Amino acid sequence: MKRRGIVLGLSFAAAACQWVPLTPGGKQVRVVSAADVAGCKEIATVTGKTTVTVGPMARDEAKIAREIEALARNEAASSGANVIVPKGPVDWDQRSYVAYRCEE
């Protein structure tokens, strides 16, 4: 019984965590609106996708959204982009973005 309590406690703690850190390049990628990319070069479409549950526990929607954004920013940076624009809302466990290279 004690073991079950430990497992449940760890599940709650894991559900609260954000697991995706921004890479140094990802930290340089900004999230902007479509109006902000006039004159920028479209590089790629990137998608952030993560898990919405840890075992039987649902994860916090805000943390899921931050994790998805971090994944997209990291991917955009590796493509040479410095700006991303969301293509739509978070769709369950993922969101797509258009990645651009803007001269600043």
Protein backbone atom coordinates (compact mmCIF):
# COMPACT_ATOMS: atom_id res chain seq x y z
CA MET A 1 0.00 0.00 0.00
CA LYS A 2 2.86 2.38 0.80
CA ARG A 3 4.41 1.68 -2.60
CA ARG A 4 1.16 2.65 -4.32
CA GLY A 5 1.16 5.98 -2.48
CA ILE A 6 4.73 6.67 -3.58
CA VAL A 7 3.87 5.86 -7.20
CA LEU A 8 0.81 8.13 -7.09
CA GLY A 9 2.84 10.92 -5.51
CA LEU A 10 5.50 10.66 -8.20
CA SER A 11 2.79 10.66 -10.88
CA PHE A 12 1.34 13.89 -9.49
CA ALA A 13 4.78 15.47 -9.37
CA ALA A 14 5.59 14.38 -12.93
CA ALA A 15 2.26 15.69 -14.22
CA ALA A 16 3.15 19.12 -12.86
CA CYS A 17 6.57 19.27 -14.55
CA GLN A 18 7.58 20.83 -17.82
CA TRP A 19 10.15 18.56 -19.41
CA VAL A 20 11.30 20.50 -22.44
CA PRO A 21 13.97 23.15 -21.87
CA LEU A 22 14.67 25.75 -24.52
CA THR A 23 17.96 25.27 -26.27
CA PRO A 24 20.25 28.31 -26.60
CA GLY A 25 19.00 28.69 -30.19
CA GLY A 26 15.38 28.22 -29.14
CA LYS A 27 15.75 31.09 -26.68
CA GLN A 28 16.52 33.37 -29.64
CA VAL A 29 13.30 32.44 -31.50
CA ARG A 30 10.39 34.80 -30.90
CA VAL A 31 6.70 33.93 -31.18
CA VAL A 32 4.86 36.68 -33.09
CA SER A 33 1.64 37.25 -35.04
CA ALA A 34 1.29 36.95 -38.81
CA ALA A 35 1.23 40.75 -39.08
CA ASP A 36 4.80 40.87 -37.72
CA VAL A 37 6.45 38.80 -40.49
CA ALA A 38 5.97 41.05 -43.53
CA GLY A 39 9.27 41.03 -45.39
CA CYS A 40 10.53 37.89 -43.63
CA LYS A 41 11.56 34.70 -45.44
CA GLU A 42 9.46 31.62 -44.72
CA ILE A 43 11.75 28.75 -43.76
CA ALA A 44 9.57 25.80 -42.75
CA THR A 45 6.56 24.54 -40.87
CA VAL A 46 7.44 23.23 -37.43
CA THR A 47 5.28 21.31 -35.01
CA GLY A 48 5.53 20.95 -31.27
CA LYS A 49 3.97 17.74 -29.96
CA THR A 50 4.00 16.40 -26.41
CA THR A 51 2.14 14.04 -24.13
CA VAL A 52 -1.01 15.16 -22.35
CA THR A 53 -1.02 12.46 -19.70
CA VAL A 54 1.46 10.88 -17.33
CA GLY A 55 0.08 7.46 -16.50
CA PRO A 56 -3.52 8.06 -15.46
CA MET A 57 -2.93 11.76 -14.70
CA ALA A 58 -3.83 14.54 -17.14
CA ARG A 59 -1.23 17.30 -17.40
CA ASP A 60 -1.97 20.99 -16.95
CA GLU A 61 -3.06 22.61 -20.25
CA ALA A 62 -0.90 25.70 -19.75
CA LYS A 63 2.20 23.56 -19.18
CA ILE A 64 1.37 21.49 -22.25
CA ALA A 65 1.09 24.69 -24.33
CA ARG A 66 4.45 26.01 -23.00
CA GLU A 67 6.12 22.69 -23.75
CA ILE A 68 4.70 22.58 -27.28
CA GLU A 69 5.94 26.13 -27.88
CA ALA A 70 9.41 25.28 -26.55
CA LEU A 71 9.63 22.27 -28.87
CA ALA A 72 8.60 24.40 -31.86
CA ARG A 73 11.07 27.17 -30.96
CA ASN A 74 13.90 24.62 -30.62
CA GLU A 75 13.02 23.04 -33.99
CA ALA A 76 12.73 26.44 -35.67
CA ALA A 77 16.17 27.45 -34.40
CA SER A 78 17.71 24.30 -35.86
CA SER A 79 16.15 25.26 -39.22
CA GLY A 80 17.74 28.71 -39.16
CA ALA A 81 14.54 30.57 -38.27
CA ASN A 82 14.35 33.30 -35.65
CA VAL A 83 10.56 33.85 -35.55
CA ILE A 84 7.55 31.53 -35.45
CA VAL A 85 3.87 32.24 -36.03
CA PRO A 86 1.18 29.86 -34.73
CA LYS A 87 -0.95 28.35 -37.52
CA GLY A 88 -3.85 27.77 -35.16
CA PRO A 89 -4.69 26.85 -31.58
CA VAL A 90 -3.24 23.95 -29.62
CA ASP A 91 -4.92 20.81 -30.92
CA TRP A 92 -4.93 18.34 -27.98
CA ASP A 93 -1.21 17.51 -27.89
CA GLN A 94 0.30 19.54 -30.72
CA ARG A 95 0.44 22.86 -32.53
CA SER A 96 1.95 23.85 -35.86
CA TYR A 97 3.86 27.04 -36.53
CA VAL A 98 5.33 28.69 -39.61
CA ALA A 99 9.01 29.45 -39.07
CA TYR A 100 10.56 32.57 -40.60
CA ARG A 101 13.95 34.22 -40.87
CA CYS A 102 13.56 37.94 -40.26
CA GLU A 103 16.38 40.44 -40.57
CA GLU A 104 16.35 42.63 -37.49
